Amino acid sequence: MRTTITIDDHLLEELKKRAARAGTTVSRLIEDAVRSTLGPSQAAPKRDFRLVTFGGTGRFTDVDLDKTSRLLEHDDISRFSDH
């Protein structure tokens, strides 16, 4: 987004020099300075998370994870075939 700001001439010259040395733009330097001033965004507070599990071995006995391509093919056929 474009905007106009009033800035001291000496400060602008220093910004231009620093941008040239850093291989970046004056706009990028100003954006970085504003981000730094604003600090990290206020994320929503984290809530406790509880994973609900059910007993057993934790895996399906009919699923062979070494043959995933067959599982994916079966899934595609059941999802996209006309039956």
PDB file of N, CA and C in Angstrom:
ATOM      1  N   MET A   1       0.844  -1.169   0.000  1.00  0.00           N
ATOM      2  CA  MET A   1       0.000   0.000   0.000  1.00  0.00           C
ATOM      3  C   MET A   1       0.891   1.234   0.000  1.00  0.00           C
ATOM      4  N   ARG A   2       0.539   2.164  -0.825  1.00  0.00           N
ATOM      5  CA  ARG A   2       1.314   3.397  -0.884  1.00  0.00           C
ATOM      6  C   ARG A   2       0.754   4.396   0.113  1.00  0.00           C
ATOM      7  N   THR A   3       1.662   5.151   0.718  1.00  0.00           N
ATOM      8  CA  THR A   3       1.259   6.217   1.625  1.00  0.00           C
ATOM      9  C   THR A   3       2.331   7.296   1.595  1.00  0.00           C
ATOM     10  N   THR A   4       2.033   8.438   2.138  1.00  0.00           N
ATOM     11  CA  THR A   4       2.983   9.548   2.175  1.00  0.00           C
ATOM     12  C   THR A   4       3.294   9.870   3.626  1.00  0.00           C
ATOM     13  N   ILE A   5       4.585  10.033   3.914  1.00  0.00           N
ATOM     14  CA  ILE A   5       4.993  10.442   5.256  1.00  0.00           C
ATOM     15  C   ILE A   5       5.923  11.638   5.133  1.00  0.00           C
ATOM     16  N   THR A   6       5.965  12.444   6.167  1.00  0.00           N
ATOM     17  CA  THR A   6       6.904  13.561   6.232  1.00  0.00           C
ATOM     18  C   THR A   6       8.069  13.105   7.095  1.00  0.00           C
ATOM     19  N   ILE A   7       9.283  13.244   6.538  1.00  0.00           N
ATOM     20  CA  ILE A   7      10.467  12.748   7.237  1.00  0.00           C
ATOM     21  C   ILE A   7      11.590  13.772   7.095  1.00  0.00           C
ATOM     22  N   ASP A   8      12.383  13.920   8.102  1.00  0.00           N
ATOM     23  CA  ASP A   8      13.510  14.845   8.098  1.00  0.00           C
ATOM     24  C   ASP A   8      14.452  14.513   6.933  1.00  0.00           C
ATOM     25  N   ASP A   9      14.918  15.544   6.229  1.00  0.00           N
ATOM     26  CA  ASP A   9      15.788  15.345   5.066  1.00  0.00           C
ATOM     27  C   ASP A   9      17.048  14.562   5.415  1.00  0.00           C
ATOM     28  N   HIS A  10      17.670  14.907   6.535  1.00  0.00           N
ATOM     29  CA  HIS A  10      18.899  14.221   6.944  1.00  0.00           C
ATOM     30  C   HIS A  10      18.617  12.737   7.211  1.00  0.00           C
ATOM     31  N   LEU A  11      17.496  12.469   7.872  1.00  0.00           N
ATOM     32  CA  LEU A  11      17.124  11.084   8.166  1.00  0.00           C
ATOM     33  C   LEU A  11      16.873  10.301   6.875  1.00  0.00           C
ATOM     34  N   LEU A  12      16.226  10.925   5.913  1.00  0.00           N
ATOM     35  CA  LEU A  12      15.974  10.257   4.635  1.00  0.00           C
ATOM     36  C   LEU A  12      17.281   9.934   3.921  1.00  0.00           C
ATOM     37  N   GLU A  13      18.228  10.845   3.947  1.00  0.00           N
ATOM     38  CA  GLU A  13      19.527  10.584   3.317  1.00  0.00           C
ATOM     39  C   GLU A  13      20.230   9.408   3.987  1.00  0.00           C
ATOM     40  N   GLU A  14      20.165   9.356   5.314  1.00  0.00           N
ATOM     41  CA  GLU A  14      20.769   8.225   6.030  1.00  0.00           C
ATOM     42  C   GLU A  14      20.073   6.917   5.669  1.00  0.00           C
ATOM     43  N   LEU A  15      18.751   6.969   5.549  1.00  0.00           N
ATOM     44  CA  LEU A  15      18.007   5.769   5.147  1.00  0.00           C
ATOM     45  C   LEU A  15      18.420   5.301   3.754  1.00  0.00           C
ATOM     46  N   LYS A  16      18.566   6.236   2.830  1.00  0.00           N
ATOM     47  CA  LYS A  16      18.970   5.882   1.467  1.00  0.00           C
ATOM     48  C   LYS A  16      20.350   5.237   1.453  1.00  0.00           C
ATOM     49  N   LYS A  17      21.275   5.801   2.228  1.00  0.00           N
ATOM     50  CA  LYS A  17      22.630   5.235   2.288  1.00  0.00           C
ATOM     51  C   LYS A  17      22.605   3.824   2.874  1.00  0.00           C
ATOM     52  N   ARG A  18      21.867   3.663   3.963  1.00  0.00           N
ATOM     53  CA  ARG A  18      21.805   2.346   4.605  1.00  0.00           C
ATOM     54  C   ARG A  18      21.129   1.323   3.684  1.00  0.00           C
ATOM     55  N   ALA A  19      20.086   1.738   2.997  1.00  0.00           N
ATOM     56  CA  ALA A  19      19.402   0.831   2.074  1.00  0.00           C
ATOM     57  C   ALA A  19      20.345   0.394   0.959  1.00  0.00           C
ATOM     58  N   ALA A  20      21.122   1.339   0.443  1.00  0.00           N
ATOM     59  CA  ALA A  20      22.075   1.009  -0.623  1.00  0.00           C
ATOM     60  C   ALA A  20      23.129   0.028  -0.118  1.00  0.00           C
ATOM     61  N   ARG A  21      23.656   0.266   1.079  1.00  0.00           N
ATOM     62  CA  ARG A  21      24.664  -0.644   1.645  1.00  0.00           C
ATOM     63  C   ARG A  21      24.082  -2.034   1.890  1.00  0.00           C
ATOM     64  N   ALA A  22      22.832  -2.090   2.312  1.00  0.00           N
ATOM     65  CA  ALA A  22      22.203  -3.370   2.640  1.00  0.00           C
ATOM     66  C   ALA A  22      21.600  -4.055   1.420  1.00  0.00           C
ATOM     67  N   GLY A  23      21.587  -3.350   0.291  1.00  0.00           N
ATOM     68  CA  GLY A  23      21.003  -3.934  -0.917  1.00  0.00           C
ATOM     69  C   GLY A  23      19.494  -4.093  -0.805  1.00  0.00           C
ATOM     70  N   THR A  24      18.855  -3.129  -0.174  1.00  0.00           N
ATOM     71  CA  THR A  24      17.405  -3.185  -0.002  1.00  0.00           C
ATOM     72  C   THR A  24      16.822  -1.824  -0.344  1.00  0.00           C
ATOM     73  N   THR A  25      15.574  -1.627  -0.047  1.00  0.00           N
ATOM     74  CA  THR A  25      14.919  -0.359  -0.371  1.00  0.00           C
ATOM     75  C   THR A  25      14.638   0.431   0.900  1.00  0.00           C
ATOM     76  N   VAL A  26      14.429   1.732   0.711  1.00  0.00           N
ATOM     77  CA  VAL A  26      14.046   2.588   1.828  1.00  0.00           C
ATOM     78  C   VAL A  26      12.710   2.108   2.396  1.00  0.00           C
ATOM     79  N   SER A  27      11.803   1.741   1.526  1.00  0.00           N
ATOM     80  CA  SER A  27      10.501   1.243   1.984  1.00  0.00           C
ATOM     81  C   SER A  27      10.658   0.033   2.886  1.00  0.00           C
ATOM     82  N   ARG A  28      11.531  -0.880   2.503  1.00  0.00           N
ATOM     83  CA  ARG A  28      11.737  -2.092   3.304  1.00  0.00           C
ATOM     84  C   ARG A  28      12.322  -1.740   4.671  1.00  0.00           C
ATOM     85  N   LEU A  29      13.272  -0.799   4.700  1.00  0.00           N
ATOM     86  CA  LEU A  29      13.840  -0.375   5.982  1.00  0.00           C
ATOM     87  C   LEU A  29      12.777   0.247   6.887  1.00  0.00           C
ATOM     88  N   ILE A  30      11.919   1.065   6.302  1.00  0.00           N
ATOM     89  CA  ILE A  30      10.856   1.688   7.092  1.00  0.00           C
ATOM     90  C   ILE A  30       9.879   0.628   7.598  1.00  0.00           C
ATOM     91  N   GLU A  31       9.505  -0.327   6.727  1.00  0.00           N
ATOM     92  CA  GLU A  31       8.613  -1.413   7.156  1.00  0.00           C
ATOM     93  C   GLU A  31       9.220  -2.187   8.321  1.00  0.00           C
ATOM     94  N   ASP A  32      10.506  -2.517   8.203  1.00  0.00           N
ATOM     95  CA  ASP A  32      11.182  -3.260   9.272  1.00  0.00           C
ATOM     96  C   ASP A  32      11.192  -2.470  10.580  1.00  0.00           C
ATOM     97  N   ALA A  33      11.432  -1.158  10.478  1.00  0.00           N
ATOM     98  CA  ALA A  33      11.458  -0.321  11.680  1.00  0.00           C
ATOM     99  C   ALA A  33      10.078  -0.259  12.332  1.00  0.00           C
ATOM    100  N   VAL A  34       9.045  -0.151  11.522  1.00  0.00           N
ATOM    101  CA  VAL A  34       7.685  -0.101  12.067  1.00  0.00           C
ATOM    102  C   VAL A  34       7.335  -1.436  12.722  1.00  0.00           C
ATOM    103  N   ARG A  35       7.673  -2.541  12.042  1.00  0.00           N
ATOM    104  CA  ARG A  35       7.412  -3.863  12.630  1.00  0.00           C
ATOM    105  C   ARG A  35       8.134  -4.016  13.968  1.00  0.00           C
ATOM    106  N   SER A  36       9.368  -3.569  14.005  1.00  0.00           N
ATOM    107  CA  SER A  36      10.151  -3.669  15.233  1.00  0.00           C
ATOM    108  C   SER A  36       9.531  -2.838  16.350  1.00  0.00           C
ATOM    109  N   THR A  37       9.036  -1.669  15.997  1.00  0.00           N
ATOM    110  CA  THR A  37       8.413  -0.792  16.982  1.00  0.00           C
ATOM    111  C   THR A  37       7.101  -1.375  17.499  1.00  0.00           C
ATOM    112  N   LEU A  38       6.326  -1.970  16.601  1.00  0.00           N
ATOM    113  CA  LEU A  38       5.040  -2.532  17.007  1.00  0.00           C
ATOM    114  C   LEU A  38       5.205  -3.811  17.817  1.00  0.00           C
ATOM    115  N   GLY A  39       6.302  -4.505  17.616  1.00  0.00           N
ATOM    116  CA  GLY A  39       6.544  -5.745  18.354  1.00  0.00           C
ATOM    117  C   GLY A  39       5.772  -6.903  17.761  1.00  0.00           C
ATOM    118  N   PRO A  40       5.898  -8.049  18.399  1.00  0.00           N
ATOM    119  CA  PRO A  40       5.207  -9.230  17.880  1.00  0.00           C
ATOM    120  C   PRO A  40       3.696  -9.062  17.982  1.00  0.00           C
ATOM    121  N   SER A  41       3.005  -9.673  17.035  1.00  0.00           N
ATOM    122  CA  SER A  41       1.552  -9.569  17.042  1.00  0.00           C
ATOM    123  C   SER A  41       0.988 -10.296  18.254  1.00  0.00           C
ATOM    124  N   GLN A  42      -0.126  -9.835  18.689  1.00  0.00           N
ATOM    125  CA  GLN A  42      -0.771 -10.423  19.856  1.00  0.00           C
ATOM    126  C   GLN A  42      -1.547 -11.661  19.424  1.00  0.00           C
ATOM    127  N   ALA A  43      -0.956 -12.815  19.630  1.00  0.00           N
ATOM    128  CA  ALA A  43      -1.620 -14.064  19.286  1.00  0.00           C
ATOM    129  C   ALA A  43      -2.642 -14.400  20.366  1.00  0.00           C
ATOM    130  N   ALA A  44      -3.626 -15.162  19.971  1.00  0.00           N
ATOM    131  CA  ALA A  44      -4.626 -15.603  20.939  1.00  0.00           C
ATOM    132  C   ALA A  44      -3.948 -16.453  22.006  1.00  0.00           C
ATOM    133  N   PRO A  45      -4.375 -16.310  23.235  1.00  0.00           N
ATOM    134  CA  PRO A  45      -3.751 -17.110  24.298  1.00  0.00           C
ATOM    135  C   PRO A  45      -3.923 -18.601  24.016  1.00  0.00           C
ATOM    136  N   LYS A  46      -2.879 -19.351  24.304  1.00  0.00           N
ATOM    137  CA  LYS A  46      -2.928 -20.789  24.050  1.00  0.00           C
ATOM    138  C   LYS A  46      -3.795 -21.458  25.102  1.00  0.00           C
ATOM    139  N   ARG A  47      -4.600 -22.384  24.630  1.00  0.00           N
ATOM    140  CA  ARG A  47      -5.434 -23.155  25.538  1.00  0.00           C
ATOM    141  C   ARG A  47      -4.823 -24.533  25.713  1.00  0.00           C
ATOM    142  N   ASP A  48      -5.082 -25.119  26.851  1.00  0.00           N
ATOM    143  CA  ASP A  48      -4.610 -26.477  27.081  1.00  0.00           C
ATOM    144  C   ASP A  48      -5.247 -27.412  26.062  1.00  0.00           C
ATOM    145  N   PHE A  49      -4.496 -28.398  25.655  1.00  0.00           N
ATOM    146  CA  PHE A  49      -4.956 -29.356  24.665  1.00  0.00           C
ATOM    147  C   PHE A  49      -4.856 -30.746  25.264  1.00  0.00           C
ATOM    148  N   ARG A  50      -5.930 -31.486  25.158  1.00  0.00           N
ATOM    149  CA  ARG A  50      -5.929 -32.849  25.671  1.00  0.00           C
ATOM    150  C   ARG A  50      -6.270 -33.786  24.531  1.00  0.00           C
ATOM    151  N   LEU A  51      -5.380 -34.696  24.229  1.00  0.00           N
ATOM    152  CA  LEU A  51      -5.595 -35.664  23.166  1.00  0.00           C
ATOM    153  C   LEU A  51      -6.397 -36.829  23.722  1.00  0.00           C
ATOM    154  N   VAL A  52      -7.546 -37.049  23.109  1.00  0.00           N
ATOM    155  CA  VAL A  52      -8.396 -38.148  23.542  1.00  0.00           C
ATOM    156  C   VAL A  52      -7.967 -39.398  22.796  1.00  0.00           C
ATOM    157  N   THR A  53      -7.660 -40.433  23.522  1.00  0.00           N
ATOM    158  CA  THR A  53      -7.252 -41.694  22.902  1.00  0.00           C
ATOM    159  C   THR A  53      -8.170 -42.810  23.364  1.00  0.00           C
ATOM    160  N   PHE A  54      -8.141 -43.868  22.625  1.00  0.00           N
ATOM    161  CA  PHE A  54      -8.925 -45.046  22.951  1.00  0.00           C
ATOM    162  C   PHE A  54      -7.963 -46.214  23.034  1.00  0.00           C
ATOM    163  N   GLY A  55      -8.178 -47.123  23.934  1.00  0.00           N
ATOM    164  CA  GLY A  55      -7.277 -48.247  24.164  1.00  0.00           C
ATOM    165  C   GLY A  55      -6.916 -49.015  22.904  1.00  0.00           C
ATOM    166  N   GLY A  56      -6.156 -50.032  23.046  1.00  0.00           N
ATOM    167  CA  GLY A  56      -5.750 -50.858  21.923  1.00  0.00           C
ATOM    168  C   GLY A  56      -4.309 -50.613  21.555  1.00  0.00           C
ATOM    169  N   THR A  57      -3.924 -51.160  20.411  1.00  0.00           N
ATOM    170  CA  THR A  57      -2.530 -51.073  19.988  1.00  0.00           C
ATOM    171  C   THR A  57      -2.223 -49.780  19.260  1.00  0.00           C
ATOM    172  N   GLY A  58      -3.269 -49.044  18.864  1.00  0.00           N
ATOM    173  CA  GLY A  58      -3.029 -47.785  18.186  1.00  0.00           C
ATOM    174  C   GLY A  58      -2.912 -47.893  16.683  1.00  0.00           C
ATOM    175  N   ARG A  59      -3.162 -49.079  16.126  1.00  0.00           N
ATOM    176  CA  ARG A  59      -3.120 -49.197  14.668  1.00  0.00           C
ATOM    177  C   ARG A  59      -4.165 -50.191  14.221  1.00  0.00           C
ATOM    178  N   PHE A  60      -4.556 -50.052  12.956  1.00  0.00           N
ATOM    179  CA  PHE A  60      -5.494 -50.993  12.369  1.00  0.00           C
ATOM    180  C   PHE A  60      -4.714 -52.198  11.877  1.00  0.00           C
ATOM    181  N   THR A  61      -5.191 -53.367  12.175  1.00  0.00           N
ATOM    182  CA  THR A  61      -4.455 -54.568  11.761  1.00  0.00           C
ATOM    183  C   THR A  61      -4.541 -54.799  10.264  1.00  0.00           C
ATOM    184  N   ASP A  62      -5.562 -54.228   9.581  1.00  0.00           N
ATOM    185  CA  ASP A  62      -5.711 -54.436   8.140  1.00  0.00           C
ATOM    186  C   ASP A  62      -4.880 -53.459   7.321  1.00  0.00           C
ATOM    187  N   VAL A  63      -4.169 -52.548   7.939  1.00  0.00           N
ATOM    188  CA  VAL A  63      -3.423 -51.520   7.222  1.00  0.00           C
ATOM    189  C   VAL A  63      -1.938 -51.834   7.272  1.00  0.00           C
ATOM    190  N   ASP A  64      -1.347 -52.003   6.066  1.00  0.00           N
ATOM    191  CA  ASP A  64       0.096 -52.216   5.957  1.00  0.00           C
ATOM    192  C   ASP A  64       0.703 -50.902   5.482  1.00  0.00           C
ATOM    193  N   LEU A  65       1.338 -50.178   6.372  1.00  0.00           N
ATOM    194  CA  LEU A  65       1.862 -48.854   6.031  1.00  0.00           C
ATOM    195  C   LEU A  65       2.990 -48.907   5.016  1.00  0.00           C
ATOM    196  N   ASP A  66       3.549 -50.077   4.763  1.00  0.00           N
ATOM    197  CA  ASP A  66       4.582 -50.209   3.743  1.00  0.00           C
ATOM    198  C   ASP A  66       3.986 -50.246   2.345  1.00  0.00           C
ATOM    199  N   LYS A  67       2.675 -50.349   2.239  1.00  0.00           N
ATOM    200  CA  LYS A  67       2.020 -50.432   0.929  1.00  0.00           C
ATOM    201  C   LYS A  67       1.007 -49.299   0.785  1.00  0.00           C
ATOM    202  N   THR A  68       1.469 -48.100   0.995  1.00  0.00           N
ATOM    203  CA  THR A  68       0.565 -46.948   0.984  1.00  0.00           C
ATOM    204  C   THR A  68      -0.007 -46.652  -0.390  1.00  0.00           C
ATOM    205  N   SER A  69       0.724 -46.954  -1.458  1.00  0.00           N
ATOM    206  CA  SER A  69       0.194 -46.666  -2.793  1.00  0.00           C
ATOM    207  C   SER A  69      -1.067 -47.471  -3.053  1.00  0.00           C
ATOM    208  N   ARG A  70      -1.121 -48.687  -2.560  1.00  0.00           N
ATOM    209  CA  ARG A  70      -2.317 -49.506  -2.727  1.00  0.00           C
ATOM    210  C   ARG A  70      -3.469 -48.901  -1.923  1.00  0.00           C
ATOM    211  N   LEU A  71      -3.167 -48.399  -0.733  1.00  0.00           N
ATOM    212  CA  LEU A  71      -4.203 -47.759   0.074  1.00  0.00           C
ATOM    213  C   LEU A  71      -4.742 -46.502  -0.609  1.00  0.00           C
ATOM    214  N   LEU A  72      -3.841 -45.708  -1.170  1.00  0.00           N
ATOM    215  CA  LEU A  72      -4.261 -44.491  -1.868  1.00  0.00           C
ATOM    216  C   LEU A  72      -5.085 -44.818  -3.099  1.00  0.00           C
ATOM    217  N   GLU A  73      -4.675 -45.834  -3.839  1.00  0.00           N
ATOM    218  CA  GLU A  73      -5.420 -46.251  -5.025  1.00  0.00           C
ATOM    219  C   GLU A  73      -6.817 -46.718  -4.622  1.00  0.00           C
ATOM    220  N   HIS A  74      -6.900 -47.532  -3.588  1.00  0.00           N
ATOM    221  CA  HIS A  74      -8.197 -48.011  -3.106  1.00  0.00           C
ATOM    222  C   HIS A  74      -9.078 -46.834  -2.685  1.00  0.00           C
ATOM    223  N   ASP A  75      -8.496 -45.861  -2.010  1.00  0.00           N
ATOM    224  CA  ASP A  75      -9.237 -44.681  -1.584  1.00  0.00           C
ATOM    225  C   ASP A  75      -9.759 -43.905  -2.783  1.00  0.00           C
ATOM    226  N   ASP A  76      -8.910 -43.717  -3.814  1.00  0.00           N
ATOM    227  CA  ASP A  76      -9.334 -43.006  -5.023  1.00  0.00           C
ATOM    228  C   ASP A  76     -10.458 -43.744  -5.734  1.00  0.00           C
ATOM    229  N   ILE A  77     -10.323 -45.058  -5.859  1.00  0.00           N
ATOM    230  CA  ILE A  77     -11.346 -45.844  -6.551  1.00  0.00           C
ATOM    231  C   ILE A  77     -12.676 -45.741  -5.817  1.00  0.00           C
ATOM    232  N   SER A  78     -12.634 -45.884  -4.505  1.00  0.00           N
ATOM    233  CA  SER A  78     -13.889 -45.824  -3.751  1.00  0.00           C
ATOM    234  C   SER A  78     -14.493 -44.420  -3.771  1.00  0.00           C
ATOM    235  N   ARG A  79     -13.663 -43.399  -3.862  1.00  0.00           N
ATOM    236  CA  ARG A  79     -14.165 -42.032  -3.839  1.00  0.00           C
ATOM    237  C   ARG A  79     -14.681 -41.573  -5.200  1.00  0.00           C
ATOM    238  N   PHE A  80     -14.005 -41.977  -6.289  1.00  0.00           N
ATOM    239  CA  PHE A  80     -14.313 -41.407  -7.594  1.00  0.00           C
ATOM    240  C   PHE A  80     -14.997 -42.362  -8.559  1.00  0.00           C
ATOM    241  N   SER A  81     -15.156 -43.603  -8.213  1.00  0.00           N
ATOM    242  CA  SER A  81     -15.781 -44.541  -9.148  1.00  0.00           C
ATOM    243  C   SER A  81     -17.295 -44.397  -9.104  1.00  0.00           C
ATOM    244  N   ASP A  82     -17.923 -44.784 -10.198  1.00  0.00           N
ATOM    245  CA  ASP A  82     -19.391 -44.768 -10.272  1.00  0.00           C
ATOM    246  C   ASP A  82     -19.905 -46.095  -9.746  1.00  0.00           C
ATOM    247  N   HIS A  83     -20.393 -46.105  -8.539  1.00  0.00           N
ATOM    248  CA  HIS A  83     -20.946 -47.344  -7.997  1.00  0.00           C
ATOM    249  C   HIS A  83     -22.302 -47.144  -7.405  1.00  0.00           C
TER     250      HIS A  83
END
